Amino acid sequence: MAKLTKKQKSLAEKLGDNQQLHGVEAAIQLLKDLKTTKFDESLEVSLNLGVDPRHADQMVRGMVVLPSGTGKDVKVAVFARGDKAEAALAAGADKVGAEDLLEDMQAGNLDYGRVIATPDMMGVVGRLGKVLGPKGLMPNPKLGTVTPNVAEAVKAAKGGQIEFRVEKAGIIHGGIGKMSFSNEALKANFDAFVDAVVKAKPSGAKGKYVRKVGLSSSMGPGLKIDLAEVQGA
């Protein structure tokens, strides 16, 4: 077995028992202490839920606005015409159009983090189902991305709103900010994310809903969070 370097030993001592439960704020600080990369990593949260998303009444999906933002510049495309198109541009949309935007996306230009549409444009957007669907970009009224108020939707997307969706194994992952954020800002984002997932509890969920919560940085270890310190869980 290879010997550990001084840095590896130091990290191992700080990390301690990998089964140890951590408070949210303590975990955030520990991940910052363990950081060895030069780039600004993301803080990621994972929730293991007591659901089976293969059943429609156990699907968990929604949107949440992170109060401290994401630290990322989200590119937004909007399908709209007339006054709605002008409002979307004024709100900061990166690309606004109708059939011209359809053709642009069909040509492979899909470098967007969010696609929004007015209800009357869904006849056009529907033709992009096979293109936008696999990328999770298809506008959806339940998520607020099909709306007559495109300006507000654009502002939300630019201001820290993210989507969450449970995976096959019953796990939800989400990036909730950059490690350069203050501990208080990251804690606020964590609380908002978990609160949104808890409120999205489906009718078919049986038994304990939130079973495990973990925090990690992009290149760091995963830390188990004490559920007793997680609001609503």
Protein backbone atom coordinates (compact mmCIF):
# COMPACT_ATOMS: atom_id res chain seq x y z
CA MET A 1 0.00 0.00 0.00
CA ALA A 2 1.42 3.38 -1.03
CA LYS A 3 2.33 5.80 1.74
CA LEU A 4 0.26 8.91 2.15
CA THR A 5 1.83 12.28 1.47
CA LYS A 6 1.82 14.94 4.20
CA LYS A 7 -1.03 16.72 2.43
CA GLN A 8 -3.05 13.50 2.13
CA LYS A 9 -2.48 12.73 5.83
CA SER A 10 -3.58 16.23 6.78
CA LEU A 11 -6.75 15.91 4.71
CA ALA A 12 -7.50 12.48 6.16
CA GLU A 13 -7.16 13.86 9.70
CA LYS A 14 -9.52 16.74 8.93
CA LEU A 15 -12.05 14.45 7.29
CA GLY A 16 -12.08 11.88 10.09
CA ASP A 17 -14.61 9.03 10.02
CA ASN A 18 -16.44 9.04 6.69
CA GLN A 19 -19.56 7.82 8.48
CA GLN A 20 -19.59 10.86 10.74
CA LEU A 21 -22.65 13.10 10.58
CA HIS A 22 -22.03 16.82 10.17
CA GLY A 23 -24.04 19.96 10.74
CA VAL A 24 -24.65 21.93 7.55
CA GLU A 25 -22.48 24.92 8.45
CA ALA A 26 -19.70 22.71 9.81
CA ALA A 27 -19.75 20.64 6.60
CA ILE A 28 -19.51 23.75 4.42
CA GLN A 29 -16.50 25.00 6.38
CA LEU A 30 -14.85 21.57 6.32
CA LEU A 31 -15.21 21.33 2.54
CA LYS A 32 -13.59 24.75 2.25
CA ASP A 33 -10.74 23.61 4.51
CA LEU A 34 -10.25 20.48 2.39
CA LYS A 35 -10.16 22.36 -0.91
CA THR A 36 -6.93 21.86 -2.83
CA THR A 37 -7.88 23.02 -6.34
CA LYS A 38 -7.19 26.48 -7.73
CA PHE A 39 -10.51 26.93 -9.54
CA ASP A 40 -13.78 27.95 -7.89
CA GLU A 41 -15.54 24.66 -7.24
CA SER A 42 -19.30 24.28 -6.90
CA LEU A 43 -21.04 23.14 -3.73
CA GLU A 44 -23.33 20.23 -4.49
CA VAL A 45 -26.14 18.76 -2.40
CA SER A 46 -27.66 15.30 -2.79
CA LEU A 47 -30.85 13.99 -1.21
CA ASN A 48 -31.76 10.31 -1.04
CA LEU A 49 -35.55 10.19 -1.08
CA GLY A 50 -38.02 7.45 -0.20
CA VAL A 51 -39.66 7.46 -3.63
CA ASP A 52 -39.71 5.30 -6.74
CA PRO A 53 -39.87 7.72 -9.69
CA ARG A 54 -40.95 4.89 -12.01
CA HIS A 55 -44.42 5.57 -10.58
CA ALA A 56 -46.03 8.82 -11.74
CA ASP A 57 -47.35 9.61 -8.25
CA GLN A 58 -43.82 9.44 -6.83
CA MET A 59 -42.09 11.80 -9.25
CA VAL A 60 -40.35 14.76 -7.63
CA ARG A 61 -39.63 17.76 -9.84
CA GLY A 62 -39.71 21.50 -9.45
CA MET A 63 -37.98 24.87 -9.48
CA VAL A 64 -36.33 26.80 -6.67
CA VAL A 65 -34.81 30.27 -6.52
CA LEU A 66 -31.50 30.18 -4.66
CA PRO A 67 -31.42 33.41 -2.60
CA SER A 68 -27.66 33.80 -3.02
CA GLY A 69 -27.68 32.94 -6.73
CA THR A 70 -25.74 30.18 -8.46
CA GLY A 71 -22.55 32.01 -9.39
CA LYS A 72 -23.16 31.03 -13.00
CA ASP A 73 -24.28 33.05 -16.02
CA VAL A 74 -27.34 31.24 -17.38
CA LYS A 75 -28.03 31.67 -21.10
CA VAL A 76 -31.75 31.96 -21.77
CA ALA A 77 -33.63 31.48 -25.04
CA VAL A 78 -37.24 32.63 -25.38
CA PHE A 79 -39.89 31.73 -27.95
CA ALA A 80 -42.14 34.76 -28.24
CA ARG A 81 -43.48 37.34 -30.67
CA GLY A 82 -44.33 41.03 -30.57
CA ASP A 83 -44.53 42.75 -27.21
CA LYS A 84 -43.66 39.52 -25.36
CA ALA A 85 -40.46 39.20 -27.39
CA GLU A 86 -39.51 42.78 -26.59
CA ALA A 87 -40.23 42.22 -22.89
CA ALA A 88 -38.03 39.10 -22.86
CA LEU A 89 -35.15 41.00 -24.45
CA ALA A 90 -35.55 43.86 -21.98
CA ALA A 91 -35.43 41.33 -19.12
CA GLY A 92 -32.07 40.02 -20.32
CA ALA A 93 -32.86 37.05 -22.57
CA ASP A 94 -29.88 36.03 -24.70
CA LYS A 95 -31.90 34.96 -27.74
CA VAL A 96 -35.54 35.63 -28.63
CA GLY A 97 -37.40 34.46 -31.69
CA ALA A 98 -40.01 32.21 -33.26
CA GLU A 99 -39.52 30.14 -36.42
CA ASP A 100 -36.04 31.65 -36.79
CA LEU A 101 -35.09 30.41 -33.31
CA LEU A 102 -36.58 27.01 -34.16
CA GLU A 103 -34.34 26.74 -37.23
CA ASP A 104 -31.33 27.89 -35.24
CA MET A 105 -31.88 25.17 -32.64
CA GLN A 106 -32.53 22.53 -35.30
CA ALA A 107 -29.13 23.46 -36.72
CA GLY A 108 -27.57 22.46 -33.40
CA ASN A 109 -27.27 25.79 -31.61
CA LEU A 110 -28.42 24.67 -28.16
CA ASP A 111 -26.00 26.38 -25.81
CA TYR A 112 -28.70 27.42 -23.35
CA GLY A 113 -29.37 26.73 -19.71
CA ARG A 114 -33.09 27.54 -19.94
CA VAL A 115 -35.66 27.70 -22.74
CA ILE A 116 -38.87 29.66 -22.11
CA ALA A 117 -41.95 30.04 -24.29
CA THR A 118 -45.27 31.87 -24.34
CA PRO A 119 -48.27 29.48 -24.52
CA ASP A 120 -49.11 30.48 -28.11
CA MET A 121 -45.61 29.42 -29.24
CA MET A 122 -45.90 25.79 -28.10
CA GLY A 123 -47.01 24.72 -31.57
CA VAL A 124 -43.59 25.80 -32.81
CA VAL A 125 -41.65 24.59 -29.77
CA GLY A 126 -43.34 21.17 -29.94
CA ARG A 127 -41.42 20.46 -33.13
CA LEU A 128 -38.23 20.57 -31.04
CA GLY A 129 -39.32 17.85 -28.61
CA LYS A 130 -36.67 15.35 -29.75
CA VAL A 131 -34.00 18.06 -29.58
CA LEU A 132 -34.86 19.83 -26.31
CA GLY A 133 -36.34 16.89 -24.41
CA PRO A 134 -33.13 14.83 -23.96
CA LYS A 135 -31.33 17.96 -22.74
CA GLY A 136 -34.03 18.77 -20.18
CA LEU A 137 -34.73 22.07 -21.93
CA MET A 138 -38.30 21.51 -23.13
CA PRO A 139 -40.53 24.31 -21.79
CA ASN A 140 -43.07 23.05 -19.25
CA PRO A 141 -46.01 24.97 -17.73
CA LYS A 142 -45.59 23.11 -14.42
CA LEU A 143 -42.07 24.52 -14.14
CA GLY A 144 -43.05 28.03 -15.14
CA THR A 145 -41.16 27.90 -18.43
CA VAL A 146 -44.37 28.08 -20.48
CA THR A 147 -45.84 31.38 -19.37
CA PRO A 148 -47.30 34.61 -20.74
CA ASN A 149 -45.05 36.48 -18.30
CA VAL A 150 -41.77 35.73 -20.05
CA ALA A 151 -40.02 38.74 -18.52
CA GLU A 152 -40.42 37.39 -14.98
CA ALA A 153 -39.36 33.91 -16.11
CA VAL A 154 -36.19 35.33 -17.67
CA LYS A 155 -35.37 37.33 -14.54
CA ALA A 156 -35.88 34.22 -12.37
CA ALA A 157 -33.59 32.13 -14.58
CA LYS A 158 -30.92 34.82 -14.54
CA GLY A 159 -31.34 35.45 -10.81
CA GLY A 160 -30.59 32.01 -9.42
CA GLN A 161 -33.57 29.80 -10.21
CA ILE A 162 -32.65 26.17 -10.81
CA GLU A 163 -34.59 23.02 -11.63
CA PHE A 164 -34.44 19.80 -9.63
CA ARG A 165 -35.61 16.35 -10.68
CA VAL A 166 -35.34 12.98 -8.97
CA GLU A 167 -33.27 10.31 -10.71
CA LYS A 168 -34.16 6.62 -11.13
CA ALA A 169 -32.50 5.65 -7.85
CA GLY A 170 -34.56 8.18 -5.90
CA ILE A 171 -31.74 10.71 -5.61
CA ILE A 172 -31.81 14.44 -6.33
CA HIS A 173 -28.58 16.32 -7.05
CA GLY A 174 -28.17 20.06 -7.30
CA GLY A 175 -25.43 22.67 -7.51
CA ILE A 176 -26.19 25.34 -4.93
CA GLY A 177 -23.43 27.91 -5.39
CA LYS A 178 -19.70 28.42 -5.58
CA MET A 179 -17.23 27.63 -2.81
CA SER A 180 -16.12 31.27 -2.93
CA PHE A 181 -19.53 32.26 -1.56
CA SER A 182 -19.72 33.06 2.13
CA ASN A 183 -20.77 30.25 4.45
CA GLU A 184 -23.97 32.15 5.22
CA ALA A 185 -24.82 32.48 1.51
CA LEU A 186 -24.26 28.77 0.90
CA LYS A 187 -26.31 27.83 3.96
CA ALA A 188 -29.19 30.01 2.71
CA ASN A 189 -29.06 28.29 -0.69
CA PHE A 190 -28.94 24.86 1.00
CA ASP A 191 -32.00 25.66 3.12
CA ALA A 192 -33.95 26.95 0.10
CA PHE A 193 -33.10 23.88 -1.99
CA VAL A 194 -34.03 21.35 0.70
CA ASP A 195 -37.21 23.27 1.56
CA ALA A 196 -38.31 23.18 -2.08
CA VAL A 197 -37.70 19.43 -2.35
CA VAL A 198 -39.60 18.81 0.90
CA LYS A 199 -42.55 20.89 -0.34
CA ALA A 200 -42.52 18.90 -3.60
CA LYS A 201 -43.20 15.64 -1.73
CA PRO A 202 -45.45 13.58 -4.02
CA SER A 203 -48.74 12.04 -2.93
CA GLY A 204 -47.42 8.52 -3.54
CA ALA A 205 -44.40 8.80 -1.22
CA LYS A 206 -44.57 6.25 1.58
CA GLY A 207 -42.65 6.15 4.86
CA LYS A 208 -39.69 8.46 5.49
CA TYR A 209 -39.36 10.94 2.64
CA VAL A 210 -35.87 12.45 3.12
CA ARG A 211 -33.61 9.54 4.07
CA LYS A 212 -30.10 10.92 3.58
CA VAL A 213 -28.54 14.28 2.76
CA GLY A 214 -24.97 14.82 1.59
CA LEU A 215 -22.77 17.78 0.71
CA SER A 216 -19.70 17.79 -1.49
CA SER A 217 -17.59 20.13 -3.57
CA SER A 218 -16.80 19.47 -7.23
CA MET A 219 -13.48 17.77 -6.46
CA GLY A 220 -13.90 17.15 -2.73
CA PRO A 221 -15.23 14.30 -0.58
CA GLY A 222 -18.87 13.69 0.23
CA LEU A 223 -19.97 14.54 3.77
CA LYS A 224 -23.05 13.10 5.44
CA ILE A 225 -25.39 15.67 6.95
CA ASP A 226 -27.18 15.18 10.25
CA LEU A 227 -30.89 15.18 9.35
CA ALA A 228 -31.69 16.61 12.78
CA GLU A 229 -30.12 19.88 11.54
CA VAL A 230 -31.97 19.93 8.23
CA GLN A 231 -35.11 22.07 8.37
CA GLY A 232 -38.20 20.20 7.26
CA ALA A 233 -36.41 16.89 6.71
